[in-house]
């Protein structure tokens, strides 16, 4: 199975545009037969996993804790690292490409690792960093899901 790494903030509300975008993205990823890998927590991570699960998709959370108790309820496979933000390179290296949605400094570090590793990074309402392909709709991701 092929995976997309989805990164973004954990502090967004379920009624935000970023949450809605991530949810729709998760649905699209699963519909195309791909899996989702993310940091496994709340916010963007929960939304993308929820969307994927509702379409029968597979979700993987690279968890910051040793126990995985911080996983959102839509994570199928928890990889408990005990590494906190140190897990960020693992999150982005596990997907064939990366979609960044909003986010703060943790997301910014994941974007940096993605670019260091030569990953394609699509960005929706995220940091303005050279190398990110800015997108404005979920449908723009579809051409990368081949």
C-alpha atoms as a PDB file:
ATOM      1  CA  UNK A   1       0.000   0.000   0.000  1.00  0.00           C
ATOM      2  CA  UNK A   2       1.150   3.522  -0.760  1.00  0.00           C
ATOM      3  CA  UNK A   3       0.892   6.262   1.874  1.00  0.00           C
ATOM      4  CA  UNK A   4       0.483  10.029   1.996  1.00  0.00           C
ATOM      5  CA  UNK A   5       1.968  11.883   4.966  1.00  0.00           C
ATOM      6  CA  UNK A   6      -0.446  14.529   6.227  1.00  0.00           C
ATOM      7  CA  UNK A   7       0.869  17.130   8.658  1.00  0.00           C
ATOM      8  CA  UNK A   8      -0.755  20.050  10.438  1.00  0.00           C
ATOM      9  CA  UNK A   9      -1.805  21.566  13.711  1.00  0.00           C
ATOM     10  CA  UNK A  10      -3.303  19.670  16.609  1.00  0.00           C
ATOM     11  CA  UNK A  11      -5.032  22.725  18.056  1.00  0.00           C
ATOM     12  CA  UNK A  12      -7.625  23.415  15.359  1.00  0.00           C
ATOM     13  CA  UNK A  13     -11.336  23.212  15.990  1.00  0.00           C
ATOM     14  CA  UNK A  14     -13.603  20.746  14.180  1.00  0.00           C
ATOM     15  CA  UNK A  15     -15.534  23.640  12.630  1.00  0.00           C
ATOM     16  CA  UNK A  16     -12.437  25.236  11.048  1.00  0.00           C
ATOM     17  CA  UNK A  17     -11.666  25.270   7.334  1.00  0.00           C
ATOM     18  CA  UNK A  18      -8.406  23.386   7.953  1.00  0.00           C
ATOM     19  CA  UNK A  19     -10.261  20.554   9.732  1.00  0.00           C
ATOM     20  CA  UNK A  20     -12.815  20.345   6.917  1.00  0.00           C
ATOM     21  CA  UNK A  21     -10.062  20.303   4.279  1.00  0.00           C
ATOM     22  CA  UNK A  22      -8.180  17.525   6.119  1.00  0.00           C
ATOM     23  CA  UNK A  23     -11.366  15.482   6.503  1.00  0.00           C
ATOM     24  CA  UNK A  24     -12.143  15.724   2.770  1.00  0.00           C
ATOM     25  CA  UNK A  25      -8.514  14.917   1.968  1.00  0.00           C
ATOM     26  CA  UNK A  26      -8.678  11.754   4.077  1.00  0.00           C
ATOM     27  CA  UNK A  27     -11.768  10.631   2.178  1.00  0.00           C
ATOM     28  CA  UNK A  28     -10.045  11.237  -1.176  1.00  0.00           C
ATOM     29  CA  UNK A  29      -6.868   9.414  -0.141  1.00  0.00           C
ATOM     30  CA  UNK A  30      -8.851   6.334   0.891  1.00  0.00           C
ATOM     31  CA  UNK A  31     -11.068   6.434  -2.200  1.00  0.00           C
ATOM     32  CA  UNK A  32      -7.912   6.279  -4.327  1.00  0.00           C
ATOM     33  CA  UNK A  33      -6.655   3.231  -2.399  1.00  0.00           C
ATOM     34  CA  UNK A  34      -3.857   4.968  -0.521  1.00  0.00           C
ATOM     35  CA  UNK A  35      -3.226   5.015   3.237  1.00  0.00           C
ATOM     36  CA  UNK A  36      -2.729   7.971   5.573  1.00  0.00           C
ATOM     37  CA  UNK A  37       0.269   8.409   7.846  1.00  0.00           C
ATOM     38  CA  UNK A  38       0.307  11.283  10.327  1.00  0.00           C
ATOM     39  CA  UNK A  39       1.267  12.236  13.871  1.00  0.00           C
ATOM     40  CA  UNK A  40      -1.845  10.466  15.162  1.00  0.00           C
ATOM     41  CA  UNK A  41      -3.175  13.163  17.484  1.00  0.00           C
ATOM     42  CA  UNK A  42      -6.035  15.710  17.341  1.00  0.00           C
ATOM     43  CA  UNK A  43      -6.798  18.506  14.877  1.00  0.00           C
ATOM     44  CA  UNK A  44      -5.641  17.981  11.299  1.00  0.00           C
ATOM     45  CA  UNK A  45      -4.446  14.480  12.170  1.00  0.00           C
ATOM     46  CA  UNK A  46      -7.832  13.458  13.560  1.00  0.00           C
ATOM     47  CA  UNK A  47      -9.686  14.987  10.624  1.00  0.00           C
ATOM     48  CA  UNK A  48      -7.654  13.220   7.937  1.00  0.00           C
ATOM     49  CA  UNK A  49      -7.883   9.895   9.772  1.00  0.00           C
ATOM     50  CA  UNK A  50     -11.630  10.295  10.283  1.00  0.00           C
ATOM     51  CA  UNK A  51     -12.190  10.992   6.583  1.00  0.00           C
ATOM     52  CA  UNK A  52     -10.047   8.026   5.564  1.00  0.00           C
ATOM     53  CA  UNK A  53     -11.771   5.653   8.008  1.00  0.00           C
ATOM     54  CA  UNK A  54     -15.217   6.663   6.762  1.00  0.00           C
ATOM     55  CA  UNK A  55     -14.108   5.492   3.305  1.00  0.00           C
ATOM     56  CA  UNK A  56     -12.628   2.236   4.603  1.00  0.00           C
ATOM     57  CA  UNK A  57      -9.020   3.452   4.427  1.00  0.00           C
ATOM     58  CA  UNK A  58      -5.982   2.552   6.532  1.00  0.00           C
ATOM     59  CA  UNK A  59      -4.540   5.092   8.983  1.00  0.00           C
ATOM     60  CA  UNK A  60      -1.175   5.062  10.742  1.00  0.00           C
ATOM     61  CA  UNK A  61      -0.242   7.344  13.621  1.00  0.00           C
ATOM     62  CA  UNK A  62       3.420   7.929  14.462  1.00  0.00           C
ATOM     63  CA  UNK A  63       2.756   8.744  18.107  1.00  0.00           C
ATOM     64  CA  UNK A  64       4.816  11.089  20.286  1.00  0.00           C
ATOM     65  CA  UNK A  65       4.203   8.998  23.437  1.00  0.00           C
ATOM     66  CA  UNK A  66       5.316   5.544  24.506  1.00  0.00           C
ATOM     67  CA  UNK A  67       1.763   4.413  25.231  1.00  0.00           C
ATOM     68  CA  UNK A  68      -0.294   5.764  22.332  1.00  0.00           C
ATOM     69  CA  UNK A  69      -2.991   7.014  24.692  1.00  0.00           C
ATOM     70  CA  UNK A  70      -2.900  10.352  22.856  1.00  0.00           C
ATOM     71  CA  UNK A  71      -4.038   8.733  19.580  1.00  0.00           C
ATOM     72  CA  UNK A  72      -7.200   9.993  17.962  1.00  0.00           C
ATOM     73  CA  UNK A  73      -9.977   7.368  17.722  1.00  0.00           C
ATOM     74  CA  UNK A  74      -9.505   6.937  13.951  1.00  0.00           C
ATOM     75  CA  UNK A  75      -5.914   5.624  14.049  1.00  0.00           C
ATOM     76  CA  UNK A  76      -5.698   1.963  12.996  1.00  0.00           C
ATOM     77  CA  UNK A  77      -2.010   1.396  13.633  1.00  0.00           C
ATOM     78  CA  UNK A  78      -0.220   3.242  16.439  1.00  0.00           C
ATOM     79  CA  UNK A  79       3.552   3.381  16.294  1.00  0.00           C
ATOM     80  CA  UNK A  80       4.514   4.538  19.783  1.00  0.00           C
ATOM     81  CA  UNK A  81       7.861   6.324  19.708  1.00  0.00           C
ATOM     82  CA  UNK A  82       8.256   8.203  22.998  1.00  0.00           C
ATOM     83  CA  UNK A  83      10.041  10.826  20.882  1.00  0.00           C
ATOM     84  CA  UNK A  84       7.691  13.819  21.074  1.00  0.00           C
ATOM     85  CA  UNK A  85       8.484  16.162  18.184  1.00  0.00           C
ATOM     86  CA  UNK A  86      11.518  13.993  17.436  1.00  0.00           C
ATOM     87  CA  UNK A  87       9.110  11.721  15.550  1.00  0.00           C
ATOM     88  CA  UNK A  88       8.538  14.364  12.860  1.00  0.00           C
ATOM     89  CA  UNK A  89      11.150  13.039  10.402  1.00  0.00           C
ATOM     90  CA  UNK A  90       9.526   9.591  10.656  1.00  0.00           C
ATOM     91  CA  UNK A  91       6.072  10.998   9.898  1.00  0.00           C
ATOM     92  CA  UNK A  92       7.161  12.710   6.686  1.00  0.00           C
ATOM     93  CA  UNK A  93       9.556  10.028   5.485  1.00  0.00           C
ATOM     94  CA  UNK A  94       6.798   7.398   5.709  1.00  0.00           C
ATOM     95  CA  UNK A  95       4.704   8.857   2.885  1.00  0.00           C
ATOM     96  CA  UNK A  96       5.395   9.132  -0.824  1.00  0.00           C
ATOM     97  CA  UNK A  97       4.522  12.818  -0.646  1.00  0.00           C
ATOM     98  CA  UNK A  98       3.427  15.252   2.042  1.00  0.00           C
ATOM     99  CA  UNK A  99       0.378  17.477   2.458  1.00  0.00           C
ATOM    100  CA  UNK A 100       0.779  20.305   4.995  1.00  0.00           C
ATOM    101  CA  UNK A 101      -2.413  21.890   6.315  1.00  0.00           C
ATOM    102  CA  UNK A 102      -2.038  24.992   8.485  1.00  0.00           C
ATOM    103  CA  UNK A 103       0.135  24.280  11.500  1.00  0.00           C
ATOM    104  CA  UNK A 104       2.687  25.897  13.745  1.00  0.00           C
ATOM    105  CA  UNK A 105       6.333  25.170  14.532  1.00  0.00           C
ATOM    106  CA  UNK A 106       5.944  21.373  14.596  1.00  0.00           C
ATOM    107  CA  UNK A 107       4.469  21.497  11.104  1.00  0.00           C
ATOM    108  CA  UNK A 108       7.233  23.853  10.014  1.00  0.00           C
ATOM    109  CA  UNK A 109       9.851  21.344  11.180  1.00  0.00           C
ATOM    110  CA  UNK A 110       8.058  18.582   9.273  1.00  0.00           C
ATOM    111  CA  UNK A 111       8.035  20.742   6.137  1.00  0.00           C
ATOM    112  CA  UNK A 112      11.789  21.294   6.542  1.00  0.00           C
ATOM    113  CA  UNK A 113      12.467  17.561   6.900  1.00  0.00           C
ATOM    114  CA  UNK A 114      10.240  16.833   3.908  1.00  0.00           C
ATOM    115  CA  UNK A 115      12.222  19.217   1.724  1.00  0.00           C
ATOM    116  CA  UNK A 116      15.550  17.904   3.051  1.00  0.00           C
ATOM    117  CA  UNK A 117      14.428  14.389   2.076  1.00  0.00           C
ATOM    118  CA  UNK A 118      13.380  15.551  -1.389  1.00  0.00           C
ATOM    119  CA  UNK A 119       9.674  14.926  -0.832  1.00  0.00           C
ATOM    120  CA  UNK A 120       6.994  16.738  -2.798  1.00  0.00           C
ATOM    121  CA  UNK A 121       5.179  19.024  -0.343  1.00  0.00           C
ATOM    122  CA  UNK A 122       1.700  20.338  -1.064  1.00  0.00           C
ATOM    123  CA  UNK A 123       0.572  23.147   1.204  1.00  0.00           C
ATOM    124  CA  UNK A 124      -2.894  24.365   2.143  1.00  0.00           C
ATOM    125  CA  UNK A 125      -3.008  27.496   4.338  1.00  0.00           C
ATOM    126  CA  UNK A 126       0.413  26.654   5.727  1.00  0.00           C
ATOM    127  CA  UNK A 127       3.840  28.266   6.047  1.00  0.00           C
ATOM    128  CA  UNK A 128       5.173  30.157   3.057  1.00  0.00           C
ATOM    129  CA  UNK A 129       8.359  28.210   2.397  1.00  0.00           C
ATOM    130  CA  UNK A 130      10.247  27.924  -0.882  1.00  0.00           C
ATOM    131  CA  UNK A 131       9.649  24.461  -2.322  1.00  0.00           C
ATOM    132  CA  UNK A 132       6.031  24.036  -1.202  1.00  0.00           C
ATOM    133  CA  UNK A 133       3.429  23.666  -3.949  1.00  0.00           C
ATOM    134  CA  UNK A 134       0.547  25.812  -2.757  1.00  0.00           C
ATOM    135  CA  UNK A 135      -2.883  24.251  -3.240  1.00  0.00           C
ATOM    136  CA  UNK A 136      -6.352  25.666  -2.786  1.00  0.00           C
ATOM    137  CA  UNK A 137      -8.599  22.588  -3.053  1.00  0.00           C
ATOM    138  CA  UNK A 138      -8.609  18.898  -2.190  1.00  0.00           C
ATOM    139  CA  UNK A 139      -9.099  18.073  -5.860  1.00  0.00           C
ATOM    140  CA  UNK A 140      -5.603  19.405  -6.612  1.00  0.00           C
ATOM    141  CA  UNK A 141      -4.150  16.498  -4.620  1.00  0.00           C
ATOM    142  CA  UNK A 142      -5.822  13.916  -6.861  1.00  0.00           C
ATOM    143  CA  UNK A 143      -3.173  14.122  -9.598  1.00  0.00           C
ATOM    144  CA  UNK A 144      -0.533  13.048  -7.068  1.00  0.00           C
ATOM    145  CA  UNK A 145      -2.527   9.936  -6.122  1.00  0.00           C
ATOM    146  CA  UNK A 146      -1.666   7.914  -9.237  1.00  0.00           C
END
